[in-house]
Amino acid sequence: MDEEESTERQLQIAMLCQRLAKMKKLYNDDLCLPSFTETTDINQLISTNSPESCQIFLKNLEKRGDPGSDPAFLFKLLDCYSKVFARFPLAKHCKTESYARMLVRYAELKGIEDPEDAPDHFSIARSHSKAFAFVHIAHAQFELSQGNSRKSNLILQKALSSNARPVELLQTAIRNLKSGKTHLLPAEHEENATPASAFSNESITIKGKQFFIFKMIGRGGSSKVYQVFDHKKHVYALKYVNLEEADAQAVESYKNEIEHLNHLQQYSDQIIKLYDYEISSSCIYMLMECGHLDLNTWLRNRKSVNPLDRKCYWRNMLEAVHTIHKHGIIHSDLKPANFVIVDASLKLIDFGIANRIQPDVTSIMKDSQVGTLNYMPPEAIKDTSSNGKPGSKISAKGDVWSLGCILYCMTYGKTPFQNITNQISKIHAIIDPTHEIDFPDIPEKDLLDVLKRCLVRNPRERISIAELLDHPYLQLQPAPEPGTNYKACAGDLKRILNELAALQSPNSIARAASNLAKMCNSGKKLDVSECVKTSSQTLWK
């Protein structure tokens, strides 16, 4: 009996192995395994075909499984689409129908993978292949499936006004939407209504140059920022702005941002660099210098700030804001997130709501409060325009208050009014001259003086950027009395310079140079090894 059971089990195992082998063969053959296993095979496939034949291949490939219920199959499909798009650039082929259909299907598949990503893919696809009605209808169908009937209608109406063809297809979709149907087109029209986007192959082309997306590093409103790199492995920040739902004011603010960056980057190293940009009716691409970290994140990750870092970053911020003020621009929304760290230096970004001062006018009126409350100056809250309409009188001194709030946060670990959680109470505290701002005592008396002079409620009495740059806080301390100083000879200077040159990190070099200056002023023997010790050792007394 045992022998029979053993034989039966062996037979069952053999049958299972045979079945598995057959399934594996069917899976490999039917799914055109070369597309899934080796990059060289898929490259060989697409290198000898056109977008039209690739679309047929991908369409037949999808019939072999169900991407909606099989995540592995979905992933493999997306990988195949990505390789096809890598071979056939968007800019060159987006006007062909077969390519547009591949773009749309990729966006739909990305919607299965992550519905939050799909709108971006559809929007960019529409901006490149907007002549085809099925591109817009596919996006509208997706939004309808997410319960966004209003947005679905907006997409269709825009497609109609932009003369997408065939117009009859759009009209049918609009009628079905208004009648409450869940499908914008009947089954027989599905094929006609089925770019991925510029991000479909995890790359994007700007003015003929291809950039590969590494990850998303920021988002806000209708914009997203990606870290990208080119063929030479140079890293950039790519800002993508979706203009589909942006109003005229928002569009203008983004165009102002480009104008300001283009103009100002030549005057200061503390302004983020804009390398290239592209503007269409539906989106904006901005290729910029990539920072390592924004100041807001940097502050959140620290319990306290090293005095040397604080002083260096303070100078960087002042120099950046001084530059824009000299060129007639008030930022009006300064906060830590507006600065990024690039090679151990802070640079100013995001001029989206900056305003150019009109000639011979020292301040301008803004009809809406756009600054962040914790950094907003009192005059931006309490002033009103002459006709009683709420507004804010913005001047260069407003930026000084905001900078003072940032420095306060770098000093005490919080903003001046952060402990007041009720927004109405916070507003009253900011504008109330009887509400005293707390300035706990600190060893650096010059720093304390800077904070107090920045956070003066009356802008006329508030210190200016130029005065802050000349303030003793940023100046080298006077040397001690002669007789106790260490006099460096030519040999000492040669040794010190060689040791500095041997340092590899920009942070180490900057820290060593600054502390060498302090040692020099204090009369201590100059020692580079002491200057590059970790910031945990107190170098500033």
Protein backbone atom coordinates (compact mmCIF):
# COMPACT_ATOMS: atom_id res chain seq x y z
CA MET A 1 0.00 0.00 0.00
CA ASP A 2 2.81 2.36 0.87
CA GLU A 3 4.50 1.56 -2.44
CA GLU A 4 1.30 2.31 -4.34
CA GLU A 5 0.86 5.60 -2.50
CA SER A 6 4.46 6.51 -3.24
CA THR A 7 4.03 5.69 -6.92
CA GLU A 8 0.81 7.72 -7.09
CA ARG A 9 2.48 10.70 -5.45
CA GLN A 10 5.40 10.48 -7.86
CA LEU A 11 2.94 10.45 -10.75
CA GLN A 12 1.12 13.48 -9.37
CA ILE A 13 4.41 15.35 -8.95
CA ALA A 14 5.44 14.43 -12.49
CA MET A 15 2.12 15.65 -13.86
CA LEU A 16 2.43 18.90 -11.92
CA CYS A 17 5.97 19.44 -13.22
CA GLN A 18 4.79 18.75 -16.76
CA ARG A 19 1.92 21.18 -16.32
CA LEU A 20 4.21 23.85 -14.92
CA ALA A 21 6.63 23.36 -17.79
CA LYS A 22 3.80 23.72 -20.28
CA MET A 23 2.49 26.84 -18.58
CA LYS A 24 5.97 28.31 -18.54
CA LYS A 25 6.41 27.60 -22.24
CA LEU A 26 3.02 29.11 -23.09
CA TYR A 27 3.81 32.13 -20.94
CA ASN A 28 7.20 32.63 -22.57
CA ASP A 29 6.04 32.00 -26.14
CA ASP A 30 2.71 33.79 -26.08
CA LEU A 31 4.04 36.82 -24.27
CA CYS A 32 7.00 37.06 -26.64
CA LEU A 33 9.44 36.39 -23.84
CA PRO A 34 12.27 38.36 -25.44
CA SER A 35 10.28 41.48 -24.59
CA PHE A 36 10.38 40.56 -20.92
CA THR A 37 13.74 38.98 -20.31
CA GLU A 38 16.57 40.60 -22.14
CA THR A 39 16.94 44.24 -23.00
CA THR A 40 18.96 43.36 -26.07
CA ASP A 41 16.07 41.29 -27.46
CA ILE A 42 13.51 44.05 -27.10
CA ASN A 43 15.96 46.50 -28.62
CA GLN A 44 16.46 44.17 -31.58
CA LEU A 45 12.70 43.92 -32.00
CA ILE A 46 11.97 47.65 -32.03
CA SER A 47 15.10 48.62 -33.97
CA THR A 48 13.72 46.92 -37.07
CA ASN A 49 10.13 48.13 -36.75
CA SER A 50 8.10 51.33 -36.98
CA PRO A 51 5.80 52.79 -34.30
CA GLU A 52 2.89 51.36 -36.26
CA SER A 53 4.15 47.76 -36.03
CA CYS A 54 5.12 48.25 -32.38
CA GLN A 55 1.59 49.37 -31.58
CA ILE A 56 0.20 46.21 -33.17
CA PHE A 57 2.71 44.11 -31.23
CA LEU A 58 1.81 45.74 -27.91
CA LYS A 59 -1.91 45.47 -28.60
CA ASN A 60 -1.63 41.74 -29.33
CA LEU A 61 0.66 41.28 -26.36
CA GLU A 62 -1.95 42.69 -23.99
CA LYS A 63 -4.46 40.06 -25.11
CA ARG A 64 -2.32 37.43 -23.41
CA GLY A 65 -3.18 38.54 -19.89
CA ASP A 66 -5.17 40.89 -17.69
CA PRO A 67 -3.18 43.92 -16.49
CA GLY A 68 -6.07 44.93 -14.25
CA SER A 69 -5.82 41.82 -12.08
CA ASP A 70 -2.22 40.71 -12.63
CA PRO A 71 0.35 43.20 -11.24
CA ALA A 72 3.27 41.24 -12.70
CA PHE A 73 1.72 41.30 -16.16
CA LEU A 74 0.99 45.02 -15.79
CA PHE A 75 4.60 45.70 -14.85
CA LYS A 76 5.88 43.76 -17.86
CA LEU A 77 3.54 45.60 -20.19
CA LEU A 78 4.67 48.95 -18.86
CA ASP A 79 8.27 47.87 -19.29
CA CYS A 80 7.63 46.99 -22.94
CA TYR A 81 5.97 50.35 -23.60
CA SER A 82 8.89 52.12 -21.94
CA LYS A 83 11.39 50.39 -24.20
CA VAL A 84 9.37 51.28 -27.28
CA PHE A 85 9.18 54.93 -26.24
CA ALA A 86 12.89 54.97 -25.55
CA ARG A 87 13.48 53.87 -29.14
CA PHE A 88 10.96 56.27 -30.71
CA PRO A 89 11.26 59.79 -29.18
CA LEU A 90 8.08 61.63 -28.31
CA ALA A 91 8.96 64.86 -30.10
CA LYS A 92 9.51 63.07 -33.39
CA HIS A 93 6.56 60.67 -33.42
CA CYS A 94 3.78 62.20 -31.28
CA LYS A 95 1.91 63.46 -34.35
CA THR A 96 1.29 59.96 -35.70
CA GLU A 97 -1.91 58.17 -34.75
CA SER A 98 -0.31 54.84 -33.82
CA TYR A 99 2.15 56.56 -31.51
CA ALA A 100 -0.63 58.60 -29.91
CA ARG A 101 -2.58 55.41 -29.27
CA MET A 102 0.44 53.87 -27.55
CA LEU A 103 0.80 56.99 -25.43
CA VAL A 104 -2.83 56.88 -24.38
CA ARG A 105 -2.79 53.19 -23.56
CA TYR A 106 0.35 53.65 -21.49
CA ALA A 107 -1.38 56.43 -19.53
CA GLU A 108 -4.35 54.13 -18.94
CA LEU A 109 -2.05 51.37 -17.71
CA LYS A 110 -0.28 53.82 -15.42
CA GLY A 111 -3.72 54.69 -14.09
CA ILE A 112 -4.17 51.06 -13.10
CA GLU A 113 -0.81 51.09 -11.35
CA ASP A 114 -1.38 54.41 -9.54
CA PRO A 115 -4.53 56.48 -10.31
CA GLU A 116 -2.92 59.62 -8.85
CA ASP A 117 -0.22 59.57 -11.55
CA ALA A 118 -2.57 59.12 -14.49
CA PRO A 119 -3.74 62.76 -14.84
CA ASP A 120 -0.17 63.91 -15.37
CA HIS A 121 0.40 61.35 -18.10
CA PHE A 122 -2.87 62.17 -19.86
CA SER A 123 -2.34 65.93 -19.62
CA ILE A 124 1.10 65.85 -21.15
CA ALA A 125 -0.07 63.39 -23.79
CA ARG A 126 -2.84 65.80 -24.77
CA SER A 127 -0.37 68.64 -25.09
CA HIS A 128 1.71 66.66 -27.62
CA SER A 129 -0.99 64.76 -29.52
CA LYS A 130 -3.87 67.20 -29.12
CA ALA A 131 -5.05 66.87 -32.74
CA PHE A 132 -6.53 63.43 -32.00
CA ALA A 133 -9.95 63.37 -30.34
CA PHE A 134 -9.36 59.93 -28.83
CA VAL A 135 -6.50 61.31 -26.70
CA HIS A 136 -8.82 63.81 -24.97
CA ILE A 137 -11.70 61.35 -24.71
CA ALA A 138 -9.46 58.79 -23.00
CA HIS A 139 -8.44 61.34 -20.38
CA ALA A 140 -12.05 62.45 -19.92
CA GLN A 141 -13.11 58.81 -19.52
CA PHE A 142 -10.49 58.30 -16.84
CA GLU A 143 -11.60 61.37 -14.90
CA LEU A 144 -15.21 60.22 -15.15
CA SER A 145 -14.23 56.82 -13.76
CA GLN A 146 -12.72 58.66 -10.78
CA GLY A 147 -15.95 60.58 -10.19
CA ASN A 148 -14.69 63.86 -11.67
CA SER A 149 -17.48 64.55 -14.14
CA ARG A 150 -16.85 68.30 -14.06
CA LYS A 151 -13.22 67.87 -15.05
CA SER A 152 -14.22 65.31 -17.66
CA ASN A 153 -16.53 67.88 -19.25
CA LEU A 154 -13.83 70.56 -19.09
CA ILE A 155 -11.39 68.30 -20.96
CA LEU A 156 -13.91 67.55 -23.70
CA GLN A 157 -14.89 71.19 -24.11
CA LYS A 158 -11.24 72.23 -24.43
CA ALA A 159 -10.69 69.51 -27.03
CA LEU A 160 -13.67 70.83 -28.96
CA SER A 161 -12.38 74.39 -28.91
CA SER A 162 -8.90 73.24 -29.97
CA ASN A 163 -10.34 71.58 -33.11
CA ALA A 164 -9.39 68.01 -32.21
CA ARG A 165 -10.62 65.54 -34.84
CA PRO A 166 -12.95 63.88 -35.53
CA VAL A 167 -15.26 66.40 -33.93
CA GLU A 168 -18.19 63.97 -34.20
CA LEU A 169 -16.46 61.68 -31.72
CA LEU A 170 -16.13 64.53 -29.23
CA GLN A 171 -19.76 65.52 -29.66
CA THR A 172 -20.84 61.94 -28.99
CA ALA A 173 -18.73 61.82 -25.84
CA ILE A 174 -20.15 65.14 -24.59
CA ARG A 175 -23.74 63.99 -25.18
CA ASN A 176 -23.13 60.74 -23.31
CA LEU A 177 -21.53 62.61 -20.44
CA LYS A 178 -24.47 65.01 -20.13
CA SER A 179 -26.93 62.12 -20.24
CA GLY A 180 -25.21 60.51 -17.27
CA LYS A 181 -23.72 57.50 -19.04
CA THR A 182 -20.66 55.87 -17.50
CA HIS A 183 -19.02 55.26 -20.89
CA LEU A 184 -18.39 58.26 -23.09
CA LEU A 185 -18.37 56.19 -26.28
CA PRO A 186 -20.27 53.02 -27.24
CA ALA A 187 -18.30 49.82 -27.64
CA GLU A 188 -17.95 50.14 -31.42
CA HIS A 189 -16.11 53.44 -30.97
CA GLU A 190 -13.79 52.27 -28.19
CA GLU A 191 -10.94 51.67 -30.63
CA ASN A 192 -11.20 55.25 -31.82
CA ALA A 193 -11.09 56.64 -28.35
CA THR A 194 -8.70 54.60 -26.62
CA PRO A 195 1.35 60.57 -25.29
CA ALA A 196 2.13 57.90 -22.62
CA SER A 197 3.03 61.31 -21.64
CA ALA A 198 6.44 62.79 -21.90
CA PHE A 199 7.06 60.81 -18.74
CA SER A 200 5.84 57.56 -20.24
CA ASN A 201 9.26 56.10 -20.77
CA GLU A 202 10.52 57.76 -17.60
CA SER A 203 12.12 60.43 -19.75
CA ILE A 204 11.19 63.76 -21.25
CA THR A 205 12.42 65.76 -24.22
CA ILE A 206 12.94 69.51 -23.97
CA LYS A 207 13.87 71.29 -27.19
CA GLY A 208 15.19 68.07 -28.68
CA LYS A 209 17.26 67.04 -25.65
CA GLN A 210 16.29 63.92 -23.70
CA PHE A 211 16.34 63.79 -19.92
CA PHE A 212 15.71 60.71 -17.78
CA ILE A 213 13.59 60.95 -14.66
CA PHE A 214 15.09 59.62 -11.45
CA LYS A 215 12.44 60.60 -8.89
CA MET A 216 9.95 63.28 -7.89
CA ILE A 217 11.47 65.65 -5.34
CA GLY A 218 8.66 68.14 -4.82
CA ARG A 219 5.12 69.10 -5.68
CA GLY A 220 2.68 71.91 -5.02
CA GLY A 221 -0.52 73.08 -6.63
CA SER A 222 -0.37 72.32 -10.33
CA SER A 223 3.40 71.82 -10.43
CA LYS A 224 5.78 68.95 -9.76
CA VAL A 225 9.56 68.89 -9.58
CA TYR A 226 11.56 65.88 -10.73
CA GLN A 227 15.23 65.05 -10.40
CA VAL A 228 16.45 64.17 -13.90
CA PHE A 229 19.75 63.46 -15.64
CA ASP A 230 20.99 63.60 -19.22
CA HIS A 231 23.11 61.19 -21.27
CA LYS A 232 26.25 62.60 -19.68
CA LYS A 233 24.83 61.85 -16.21
CA HIS A 234 24.52 65.54 -15.34
CA VAL A 235 21.78 66.02 -12.74
CA TYR A 236 19.08 68.72 -12.99
CA ALA A 237 15.77 69.68 -11.43
CA LEU A 238 12.86 69.60 -13.87
CA LYS A 239 9.79 71.60 -12.94
CA TYR A 240 6.63 70.54 -14.74
CA VAL A 241 3.64 72.85 -14.52
CA ASN A 242 0.21 71.69 -15.65
CA LEU A 243 -1.66 74.67 -17.10
CA GLU A 244 -4.88 72.80 -17.89
CA GLU A 245 -6.64 74.00 -14.76
CA ALA A 246 -4.52 77.07 -14.02
CA ASP A 247 -6.21 80.46 -14.10
CA ALA A 248 -4.74 83.49 -15.84
CA GLN A 249 -3.06 84.75 -12.65
CA ALA A 250 -1.32 81.42 -12.03
CA VAL A 251 -0.10 81.20 -15.62
CA GLU A 252 1.25 84.73 -15.41
CA SER A 253 3.05 83.95 -12.16
CA TYR A 254 4.87 81.01 -13.74
CA LYS A 255 5.89 83.12 -16.70
CA ASN A 256 7.15 85.75 -14.25
CA GLU A 257 9.19 83.08 -12.54
CA ILE A 258 10.94 82.22 -15.81
CA GLU A 259 11.51 85.89 -16.58
CA HIS A 260 13.03 86.56 -13.16
CA LEU A 261 15.31 83.51 -13.21
CA ASN A 262 16.54 84.30 -16.71
CA HIS A 263 17.32 87.87 -15.74
CA LEU A 264 18.73 87.47 -12.25
CA GLN A 265 20.93 84.38 -12.46
CA GLN A 266 23.66 86.39 -14.18
CA TYR A 267 23.95 88.78 -11.23
CA SER A 268 24.32 86.42 -8.29
CA ASP A 269 25.49 82.90 -7.52
CA GLN A 270 22.78 82.77 -4.85
CA ILE A 271 20.00 82.62 -7.47
CA ILE A 272 19.14 79.16 -8.76
CA LYS A 273 20.21 78.63 -12.36
CA LEU A 274 17.64 78.12 -15.14
CA TYR A 275 19.26 76.16 -17.97
CA ASP A 276 16.33 75.83 -20.36
CA TYR A 277 12.55 75.95 -20.55
CA GLU A 278 9.65 75.18 -22.85
CA ILE A 279 6.16 76.68 -22.79
CA SER A 280 3.03 75.33 -24.47
CA SER A 281 -0.63 76.12 -24.05
CA SER A 282 -1.08 73.24 -21.61
CA CYS A 283 2.18 72.96 -19.69
CA ILE A 284 5.55 74.46 -18.85
CA TYR A 285 8.89 72.71 -18.44
CA MET A 286 11.72 74.40 -16.55
CA LEU A 287 15.15 72.75 -16.44
CA MET A 288 17.03 74.10 -13.43
CA GLU A 289 20.01 73.59 -11.19
CA CYS A 290 19.32 70.76 -8.74
CA GLY A 291 19.73 71.42 -5.04
CA HIS A 292 20.69 68.75 -2.55
CA LEU A 293 17.99 69.74 -0.03
CA ASP A 294 15.66 72.64 0.67
CA LEU A 295 16.26 74.68 3.80
CA ASN A 296 12.92 73.71 5.32
CA THR A 297 13.78 70.00 5.19
CA TRP A 298 17.30 70.70 6.38
CA LEU A 299 15.95 72.53 9.45
CA ARG A 300 13.40 69.83 10.25
CA ASN A 301 16.16 67.23 10.37
CA ARG A 302 18.17 69.14 12.98
CA LYS A 303 17.61 69.80 16.66
CA SER A 304 20.00 72.74 16.49
CA VAL A 305 21.97 74.62 13.86
CA ASN A 306 25.73 74.98 13.93
CA PRO A 307 26.61 78.69 14.37
CA LEU A 308 28.94 78.63 11.38
CA ASP A 309 26.26 77.11 9.10
CA ARG A 310 23.73 79.64 10.36
CA LYS A 311 26.03 82.57 9.63
CA CYS A 312 27.01 81.30 6.17
CA TYR A 313 23.42 80.59 5.18
CA TRP A 314 22.29 83.95 6.53
CA ARG A 315 24.80 85.71 4.29
CA ASN A 316 23.63 83.61 1.31
CA MET A 317 20.01 84.57 1.91
CA LEU A 318 20.84 88.26 2.29
CA GLU A 319 22.91 88.29 -0.90
CA ALA A 320 20.13 86.58 -2.87
CA VAL A 321 17.41 88.93 -1.65
CA HIS A 322 19.69 91.97 -2.03
CA THR A 323 20.13 91.00 -5.70
CA ILE A 324 16.42 90.83 -6.46
CA HIS A 325 15.77 94.09 -4.60
CA LYS A 326 18.47 95.87 -6.62
CA HIS A 327 16.65 94.77 -9.78
CA GLY A 328 13.27 96.03 -8.66
CA ILE A 329 11.79 92.75 -7.46
CA ILE A 330 10.12 91.99 -4.16
CA HIS A 331 9.71 88.31 -3.41
CA SER A 332 6.84 88.69 -0.88
CA ASP A 333 6.68 85.01 0.07
CA LEU A 334 10.07 84.19 1.59
CA LYS A 335 10.22 81.06 3.73
CA PRO A 336 12.74 78.22 4.23
CA ALA A 337 11.27 76.19 1.36
CA ASN A 338 12.27 78.99 -1.04
CA PHE A 339 15.95 78.22 -0.53
CA VAL A 340 17.86 75.10 -1.55
CA ILE A 341 21.32 73.94 -0.61
CA VAL A 342 23.68 73.64 -3.58
CA ASP A 343 27.33 72.80 -2.87
CA ALA A 344 27.15 73.99 0.76
CA SER A 345 25.54 77.28 -0.28
CA LEU A 346 21.93 78.51 -0.15
CA LYS A 347 20.24 79.59 -3.38
CA LEU A 348 16.91 81.34 -3.85
CA ILE A 349 14.22 79.69 -5.96
CA ASP A 350 10.51 80.10 -6.77
CA PHE A 351 9.69 83.61 -7.96
CA GLY A 352 6.12 82.58 -8.78
CA ILE A 353 4.49 85.40 -6.83
CA ALA A 354 7.30 87.94 -6.98
CA ASN A 355 6.41 91.40 -8.24
CA ARG A 356 8.44 93.92 -10.19
CA ILE A 357 8.34 97.37 -8.60
CA GLN A 358 6.97 100.00 -10.97
CA PRO A 359 9.37 102.83 -11.86
CA ASP A 360 9.62 105.55 -9.20
CA VAL A 361 7.37 103.62 -6.83
CA THR A 362 8.73 102.19 -3.58
CA SER A 363 5.90 99.78 -2.85
CA ILE A 364 3.13 97.96 -4.64
CA MET A 365 -0.32 96.72 -3.71
CA LYS A 366 -1.25 93.06 -3.86
CA ASP A 367 -4.92 92.12 -3.91
CA SER A 368 -4.47 88.77 -2.21
CA GLN A 369 -2.53 87.51 0.77
CA VAL A 370 -0.22 84.86 -0.57
CA GLY A 371 2.62 84.66 1.94
CA THR A 372 2.96 82.00 4.60
CA LEU A 373 1.55 83.34 7.87
CA ASN A 374 4.48 82.35 10.10
CA TYR A 375 6.78 84.45 7.92
CA MET A 376 4.36 87.17 6.84
CA PRO A 377 5.17 90.76 7.88
CA PRO A 378 2.58 92.75 9.88
CA GLU A 379 2.08 95.32 7.11
CA ALA A 380 1.07 92.56 4.70
CA ILE A 381 -1.77 91.63 7.04
CA LYS A 382 -3.20 94.89 8.33
CA ASP A 383 -2.91 97.32 5.40
CA THR A 384 -5.83 97.98 3.08
CA SER A 385 -5.99 99.78 -0.21
CA SER A 386 -7.53 103.20 -0.56
CA ASN A 387 -10.90 101.89 -1.70
CA GLY A 388 -11.22 99.62 1.34
CA LYS A 389 -10.54 96.48 -0.64
CA PRO A 390 -8.38 94.03 1.29
CA GLY A 391 -4.82 94.17 0.11
CA SER A 392 -1.27 94.38 1.35
CA LYS A 393 1.30 97.09 0.96
CA ILE A 394 4.41 95.20 -0.01
CA SER A 395 7.87 96.77 0.18
CA ALA A 396 11.43 95.52 0.42
CA LYS A 397 11.19 95.74 4.21
CA GLY A 398 8.57 92.98 4.11
CA ASP A 399 11.20 90.56 2.85
CA VAL A 400 13.45 91.63 5.74
CA TRP A 401 10.78 90.57 8.27
CA SER A 402 10.42 87.20 6.53
CA LEU A 403 14.18 86.67 6.56
CA GLY A 404 14.23 87.60 10.24
CA CYS A 405 11.64 84.90 10.92
CA ILE A 406 13.81 82.35 9.09
CA LEU A 407 16.89 83.38 11.09
CA TYR A 408 14.81 83.23 14.30
CA CYS A 409 13.86 79.65 13.39
CA MET A 410 17.51 78.78 12.73
CA THR A 411 18.40 80.21 16.14
CA TYR A 412 15.58 79.04 18.41
CA GLY A 413 14.16 76.09 16.45
CA LYS A 414 10.78 77.76 15.85
CA THR A 415 9.31 80.89 14.29
CA PRO A 416 8.40 83.88 16.52
CA PHE A 417 4.67 83.11 16.61
CA GLN A 418 4.72 79.35 16.01
CA ASN A 419 3.44 78.53 19.49
CA ILE A 420 0.17 80.35 18.76
CA THR A 421 -1.87 77.67 17.03
CA ASN A 422 -5.12 79.59 16.52
CA GLN A 423 -4.79 81.44 13.22
CA ILE A 424 -6.87 84.45 14.26
CA SER A 425 -4.91 84.81 17.48
CA LYS A 426 -1.68 84.49 15.54
CA ILE A 427 -2.70 87.27 13.15
CA HIS A 428 -3.56 89.54 16.06
CA ALA A 429 -0.24 88.78 17.75
CA ILE A 430 1.74 89.57 14.59
CA ILE A 431 0.17 93.00 14.11
CA ASP A 432 -0.27 93.91 17.80
CA PRO A 433 2.58 96.28 18.86
CA THR A 434 1.92 95.47 22.53
CA HIS A 435 2.55 91.75 21.97
CA GLU A 436 6.24 91.33 22.76
CA ILE A 437 8.28 88.90 20.71
CA ASP A 438 10.33 86.60 22.90
CA PHE A 439 14.10 86.80 22.37
CA PRO A 440 15.76 84.32 24.76
CA ASP A 441 19.32 85.27 25.61
CA ILE A 442 22.06 83.73 23.44
CA PRO A 443 25.89 83.96 23.52
CA GLU A 444 26.06 85.69 20.12
CA LYS A 445 25.02 89.24 20.96
CA ASP A 446 25.39 90.44 17.37
CA LEU A 447 23.00 87.72 16.23
CA LEU A 448 20.49 88.78 18.87
CA ASP A 449 20.74 92.37 17.66
CA VAL A 450 20.08 91.26 14.07
CA LEU A 451 16.95 89.36 15.12
CA LYS A 452 15.56 92.27 17.09
CA ARG A 453 16.17 94.76 14.29
CA CYS A 454 14.62 92.50 11.63
CA LEU A 455 11.47 91.84 13.66
CA VAL A 456 10.41 95.46 14.13
CA ARG A 457 6.74 95.87 13.29
CA ASN A 458 7.09 99.34 11.79
CA PRO A 459 8.72 98.75 8.36
CA ARG A 460 10.18 102.28 8.36
CA GLU A 461 12.14 101.48 11.49
CA ARG A 462 13.13 98.01 10.32
CA ILE A 463 16.72 97.39 9.25
CA SER A 464 17.47 97.14 5.51
CA ILE A 465 19.20 94.36 3.58
CA ALA A 466 22.20 96.60 2.89
CA GLU A 467 22.55 97.37 6.61
CA LEU A 468 22.30 93.67 7.46
CA LEU A 469 25.15 92.86 5.08
CA ASP A 470 27.30 95.44 6.89
CA HIS A 471 26.20 94.36 10.36
CA PRO A 472 28.95 93.22 12.78
CA TYR A 473 27.33 89.78 12.91
CA LEU A 474 28.73 89.04 9.45
CA GLN A 475 32.06 90.79 9.95
CA LEU A 476 35.31 89.25 11.19
CA GLN A 477 35.96 90.05 14.80
CA PRO A 478 38.84 92.50 15.48
CA ALA A 479 42.18 90.90 16.25
CA PRO A 480 43.32 90.77 19.90
CA GLU A 481 46.02 93.01 21.28
CA PRO A 482 49.51 92.54 19.80
CA GLY A 483 51.92 90.41 21.75
CA THR A 484 49.76 87.33 22.16
CA ASN A 485 49.16 86.59 18.47
CA TYR A 486 50.71 83.74 16.61
CA LYS A 487 52.64 85.16 13.66
CA ALA A 488 52.48 82.83 10.69
CA CYS A 489 55.64 82.77 8.62
CA ALA A 490 55.89 81.89 4.93
CA GLY A 491 56.46 78.23 5.79
CA ASP A 492 53.34 78.12 7.97
CA LEU A 493 51.24 79.69 5.23
CA LYS A 494 52.54 77.18 2.70
CA ARG A 495 51.69 74.31 5.06
CA ILE A 496 48.18 75.64 5.70
CA LEU A 497 47.43 76.17 2.00
CA ASN A 498 48.61 72.65 1.17
CA GLU A 499 46.41 71.18 3.89
CA LEU A 500 43.40 73.14 2.62
CA ALA A 501 44.06 72.00 -0.95
CA ALA A 502 44.05 68.38 0.25
CA LEU A 503 40.49 68.62 1.54
CA GLN A 504 37.94 66.94 -0.73
CA SER A 505 34.57 68.17 0.52
CA PRO A 506 33.34 71.72 -0.28
CA ASN A 507 31.76 71.72 3.19
CA SER A 508 35.09 70.88 4.80
CA ILE A 509 36.92 73.55 2.85
CA ALA A 510 34.37 76.24 3.70
CA ARG A 511 34.30 75.21 7.36
CA ALA A 512 38.12 75.08 7.60
CA ALA A 513 38.61 78.45 5.92
CA SER A 514 36.07 80.19 8.16
CA ASN A 515 37.52 78.71 11.31
CA LEU A 516 41.08 79.49 10.25
CA ALA A 517 39.99 83.13 10.08
CA LYS A 518 38.56 82.82 13.61
CA MET A 519 41.76 81.24 14.90
CA CYS A 520 43.77 83.99 13.27
CA ASN A 521 41.71 86.67 14.99
CA SER A 522 41.84 84.91 18.33
CA GLY A 523 45.62 84.59 18.31
CA LYS A 524 45.63 80.79 18.34
CA LYS A 525 48.11 78.72 16.37
CA LEU A 526 46.64 77.96 12.96
CA ASP A 527 45.79 74.27 12.61
CA VAL A 528 43.69 72.99 9.69
CA SER A 529 43.10 69.63 11.38
CA GLU A 530 41.34 71.39 14.24
CA CYS A 531 39.21 73.40 11.82
CA VAL A 532 37.71 70.45 9.97
CA LYS A 533 36.52 68.54 13.03
CA THR A 534 32.84 67.69 13.17
CA SER A 535 30.35 70.39 13.95
CA SER A 536 29.62 68.66 17.25
CA GLN A 537 32.80 70.28 18.54
CA THR A 538 32.13 73.87 19.46
CA LEU A 539 34.24 76.12 17.29
CA TRP A 540 32.32 79.31 17.93
CA LYS A 541 32.31 80.41 21.55
